[in-house]
Amino acid sequence: MSDERHLIRDAVRDYYTTAIERHGPTAKGVDWKDDASHRLRHQQFLRLLAGDPAASVLDLGCGYGDFLSVLRAAGHTGRYVGCDLSAAMIEAARRTFGEGPDRCWHVGDDPPASCDFAIASGIFNVRRGADAASWASHVDETIDNLAHLGCRGFGFNMLSMSSDPERRREDLHYVDPVAMLRTCLDRYGRQVAILQDYGLWEFTVLVRHSSQTASPKPAAP
């Protein structure tokens, strides 16, 4: 790993450690505005898991693990693996949700094993002093890692360039959803969805690996 990548990871870890220590296991503790938007954001990933409640899920940048409660409320029963760079986040997750056969927690961004699906919520937004090019490279590498870790598919969200220009902040990373759609189609195959209809200044990308998508059966003669 390059020195630049180490610096980015350390800055991100320290930023979110400060947030969770200041606000505890709440939406503000993972640098979101409020619980309602935090839950709404998580719910977009449920489409990726629709019809497969037993699938295993990796949550990269899991924070204090709140996506687990969203999964269970939706009837998902599969194994959940939460990973975060911040040890303080993982400690909060363990205190809040415990550990057991259906859930485990890991400090870092290199989980011990892949899962059926991998998701990342909110980890691409705050640049923490990195220049735009370095951060974009970090984002690309992380998305490739998600694609590798999710054997059947993966998802992530990003701040949208479709938001009002006057509301954008200099320290945040915004992406053109159309450009990201093209990038994902080129890199990961044709099973890509872009969701930008849920009322937040962002979009969610859901990708199913083509090898995991059944071909339509021919019509009976």
Protein backbone atom coordinates (compact mmCIF):
# COMPACT_ATOMS: atom_id res chain seq x y z
CA MET A 1 0.00 0.00 0.00
CA SER A 2 1.36 3.44 -0.94
CA ASP A 3 2.22 6.11 1.66
CA GLU A 4 -0.53 8.29 0.19
CA ARG A 5 -3.11 5.55 0.68
CA HIS A 6 -1.95 5.07 4.26
CA LEU A 7 -2.39 8.79 4.93
CA ILE A 8 -5.91 8.76 3.51
CA ARG A 9 -6.92 5.74 5.57
CA ASP A 10 -5.43 7.23 8.76
CA ALA A 11 -7.25 10.54 8.21
CA VAL A 12 -10.56 8.76 7.61
CA ARG A 13 -10.08 6.56 10.69
CA ASP A 14 -9.29 9.53 12.94
CA TYR A 15 -12.22 11.56 11.61
CA TYR A 16 -14.79 8.89 12.35
CA THR A 17 -13.20 7.94 15.66
CA THR A 18 -13.70 11.54 16.77
CA ALA A 19 -17.32 11.46 15.55
CA ILE A 20 -18.29 8.29 17.43
CA GLU A 21 -16.51 9.43 20.61
CA ARG A 22 -18.37 12.75 20.47
CA HIS A 23 -21.86 11.58 19.51
CA GLY A 24 -21.98 7.87 20.37
CA PRO A 25 -23.83 5.23 18.30
CA THR A 26 -26.17 7.64 16.51
CA ALA A 27 -26.49 9.02 12.99
CA LYS A 28 -24.29 11.97 13.98
CA GLY A 29 -21.76 9.48 15.33
CA VAL A 30 -21.17 8.36 11.74
CA ASP A 31 -21.41 11.92 10.39
CA TRP A 32 -24.96 11.83 9.05
CA LYS A 33 -27.61 14.50 9.58
CA ASP A 34 -30.26 12.46 11.39
CA ASP A 35 -31.60 8.97 11.99
CA ALA A 36 -34.35 9.23 9.35
CA SER A 37 -31.97 9.97 6.47
CA HIS A 38 -29.51 7.39 7.82
CA ARG A 39 -32.17 4.66 7.71
CA LEU A 40 -33.44 5.78 4.30
CA ARG A 41 -29.91 5.54 2.95
CA HIS A 42 -29.49 2.01 4.29
CA GLN A 43 -32.83 0.85 2.91
CA GLN A 44 -31.65 1.37 -0.67
CA PHE A 45 -29.34 -1.63 -0.31
CA LEU A 46 -32.22 -3.98 0.50
CA ARG A 47 -33.05 -4.26 -3.19
CA LEU A 48 -29.69 -5.97 -3.75
CA LEU A 49 -30.69 -8.70 -1.27
CA ALA A 50 -34.34 -9.02 -2.29
CA GLY A 51 -35.55 -12.61 -2.37
CA ASP A 52 -32.46 -13.99 -0.64
CA PRO A 53 -32.80 -13.47 3.13
CA ALA A 54 -30.08 -16.03 3.93
CA ALA A 55 -27.33 -14.37 1.86
CA SER A 56 -24.20 -13.28 3.72
CA VAL A 57 -23.47 -9.54 3.80
CA LEU A 58 -20.24 -7.61 4.23
CA ASP A 59 -20.63 -3.99 5.40
CA LEU A 60 -17.39 -2.13 4.59
CA GLY A 61 -17.12 1.00 6.72
CA CYS A 62 -19.90 -0.31 8.95
CA GLY A 63 -19.64 2.37 11.65
CA TYR A 64 -21.47 1.16 14.74
CA GLY A 65 -23.30 -1.48 12.68
CA ASP A 66 -26.73 0.09 12.25
CA PHE A 67 -27.25 -1.60 8.87
CA LEU A 68 -27.58 -4.87 10.77
CA SER A 69 -30.78 -3.62 12.43
CA VAL A 70 -32.15 -2.56 9.03
CA LEU A 71 -31.42 -6.02 7.64
CA ARG A 72 -33.06 -7.84 10.51
CA ALA A 73 -36.13 -5.57 10.43
CA ALA A 74 -36.51 -6.48 6.74
CA GLY A 75 -36.44 -10.21 7.55
CA HIS A 76 -32.86 -10.89 6.55
CA THR A 77 -31.34 -13.81 8.47
CA GLY A 78 -27.96 -14.31 6.77
CA ARG A 79 -24.53 -13.80 8.30
CA TYR A 80 -23.43 -10.16 8.65
CA VAL A 81 -19.77 -9.07 8.74
CA GLY A 82 -19.07 -5.46 9.77
CA CYS A 83 -15.67 -3.90 9.02
CA ASP A 84 -14.43 -0.42 9.90
CA LEU A 85 -11.07 1.35 10.02
CA SER A 86 -11.94 2.83 13.41
CA ALA A 87 -11.50 0.52 16.40
CA ALA A 88 -13.82 2.83 18.35
CA MET A 89 -16.58 2.19 15.81
CA ILE A 90 -16.15 -1.56 16.09
CA GLU A 91 -16.20 -1.36 19.89
CA ALA A 92 -19.48 0.59 19.70
CA ALA A 93 -20.91 -2.02 17.29
CA ARG A 94 -20.03 -4.88 19.63
CA ARG A 95 -21.57 -3.07 22.59
CA THR A 96 -24.74 -2.28 20.63
CA PHE A 97 -25.34 -5.53 18.75
CA GLY A 98 -23.12 -8.14 20.37
CA GLU A 99 -21.39 -10.91 18.48
CA GLY A 100 -22.59 -14.39 17.55
CA PRO A 101 -23.01 -16.99 14.80
CA ASP A 102 -24.94 -14.56 12.60
CA ARG A 103 -22.73 -11.47 13.09
CA CYS A 104 -19.08 -10.55 13.57
CA TRP A 105 -16.95 -7.41 13.58
CA HIS A 106 -13.51 -6.66 12.17
CA VAL A 107 -11.18 -3.65 12.48
CA GLY A 108 -9.75 -2.64 9.10
CA ASP A 109 -10.77 -2.87 5.46
CA ASP A 110 -9.40 -6.35 4.76
CA PRO A 111 -12.06 -8.77 6.02
CA PRO A 112 -11.02 -12.38 6.60
CA ALA A 113 -13.38 -13.70 3.93
CA SER A 114 -15.69 -12.55 1.16
CA CYS A 115 -19.51 -12.65 1.38
CA ASP A 116 -22.37 -13.06 -1.05
CA PHE A 117 -22.90 -9.30 -1.14
CA ALA A 118 -20.74 -6.35 -0.08
CA ILE A 119 -21.98 -2.83 0.61
CA ALA A 120 -20.40 0.48 1.59
CA SER A 121 -22.45 3.44 2.82
CA GLY A 122 -21.03 6.94 3.16
CA ILE A 123 -17.34 6.06 2.95
CA PHE A 124 -16.62 8.01 -0.25
CA ASN A 125 -17.87 11.45 0.77
CA VAL A 126 -15.44 13.18 3.14
CA ARG A 127 -11.99 13.72 1.58
CA ARG A 128 -10.25 14.76 4.82
CA GLY A 129 -7.68 16.97 3.12
CA ALA A 130 -6.80 14.64 0.25
CA ASP A 131 -6.61 16.30 -3.16
CA ALA A 132 -9.33 15.43 -5.66
CA ALA A 133 -7.17 13.14 -7.80
CA SER A 134 -5.81 11.15 -4.85
CA TRP A 135 -9.27 10.73 -3.36
CA ALA A 136 -10.73 9.63 -6.71
CA SER A 137 -8.00 7.00 -6.98
CA HIS A 138 -8.76 5.82 -3.43
CA VAL A 139 -12.47 5.57 -4.31
CA ASP A 140 -11.76 3.55 -7.47
CA GLU A 141 -9.55 1.10 -5.57
CA THR A 142 -12.15 0.68 -2.85
CA ILE A 143 -14.95 0.02 -5.35
CA ASP A 144 -12.77 -2.62 -7.03
CA ASN A 145 -12.24 -4.17 -3.60
CA LEU A 146 -16.01 -4.21 -2.99
CA ALA A 147 -16.49 -5.95 -6.32
CA HIS A 148 -14.00 -8.60 -5.24
CA LEU A 149 -15.44 -9.04 -1.73
CA GLY A 150 -19.05 -9.41 -2.89
CA CYS A 151 -19.10 -12.74 -4.71
CA ARG A 152 -22.60 -12.21 -6.08
CA GLY A 153 -22.82 -8.43 -6.09
CA PHE A 154 -22.14 -5.18 -4.29
CA GLY A 155 -23.47 -1.70 -3.65
CA PHE A 156 -22.32 1.74 -2.53
CA ASN A 157 -23.51 5.33 -2.39
CA MET A 158 -21.95 8.66 -3.37
CA LEU A 159 -22.82 12.34 -3.28
CA SER A 160 -24.35 13.40 -6.59
CA MET A 161 -23.27 16.11 -9.00
CA SER A 162 -27.00 16.47 -9.65
CA SER A 163 -27.24 18.35 -6.35
CA ASP A 164 -27.51 22.14 -6.31
CA PRO A 165 -24.04 23.66 -6.95
CA GLU A 166 -24.45 26.29 -4.23
CA ARG A 167 -25.01 23.56 -1.63
CA ARG A 168 -21.82 21.63 -2.35
CA ARG A 169 -18.89 21.73 0.04
CA GLU A 170 -15.25 21.99 -0.96
CA ASP A 171 -14.19 19.15 1.34
CA LEU A 172 -16.68 16.61 -0.05
CA HIS A 173 -16.48 14.30 -3.05
CA TYR A 174 -19.24 14.55 -5.67
CA VAL A 175 -19.68 12.27 -8.67
CA ASP A 176 -21.70 12.38 -11.88
CA PRO A 177 -24.13 9.43 -11.62
CA VAL A 178 -24.20 8.95 -15.39
CA ALA A 179 -20.41 8.71 -15.52
CA MET A 180 -20.43 6.24 -12.61
CA LEU A 181 -23.06 4.13 -14.39
CA ARG A 182 -20.82 3.93 -17.46
CA THR A 183 -17.78 3.07 -15.34
CA CYS A 184 -19.60 0.24 -13.59
CA LEU A 185 -21.02 -1.13 -16.84
CA ASP A 186 -17.53 -1.16 -18.34
CA ARG A 187 -15.82 -2.71 -15.30
CA TYR A 188 -18.37 -5.03 -13.75
CA GLY A 189 -20.90 -6.08 -16.39
CA ARG A 190 -24.38 -5.14 -17.44
CA GLN A 191 -26.35 -5.79 -14.21
CA VAL A 192 -26.07 -2.27 -12.76
CA ALA A 193 -28.75 -0.04 -11.20
CA ILE A 194 -28.47 3.63 -10.21
CA LEU A 195 -30.97 4.83 -7.59
CA GLN A 196 -31.40 8.59 -7.19
CA ASP A 197 -35.10 8.84 -6.40
CA TYR A 198 -35.15 8.70 -2.59
CA GLY A 199 -34.92 12.38 -1.74
CA LEU A 200 -31.27 12.78 -0.68
CA TRP A 201 -28.45 14.59 -2.50
CA GLU A 202 -26.79 11.33 -3.44
CA PHE A 203 -27.22 8.16 -5.45
CA THR A 204 -26.84 4.46 -4.74
CA VAL A 205 -25.20 1.98 -7.12
CA LEU A 206 -26.22 -1.70 -7.05
CA VAL A 207 -24.25 -4.24 -9.08
CA ARG A 208 -24.93 -7.92 -9.57
CA HIS A 209 -22.12 -9.92 -11.08
CA SER A 210 -23.23 -11.25 -14.46
CA SER A 211 -22.19 -14.80 -13.58
CA GLN A 212 -24.77 -14.73 -10.79
CA THR A 213 -27.66 -13.67 -13.02
CA ALA A 214 -29.61 -16.55 -14.48
CA SER A 215 -30.18 -16.51 -18.24
CA PRO A 216 -33.84 -16.53 -19.28
CA LYS A 217 -35.16 -19.98 -20.16
CA PRO A 218 -36.29 -20.47 -23.75
CA ALA A 219 -40.01 -20.48 -24.31
CA ALA A 220 -41.69 -23.88 -24.56
CA PRO A 221 -42.46 -24.95 -28.14
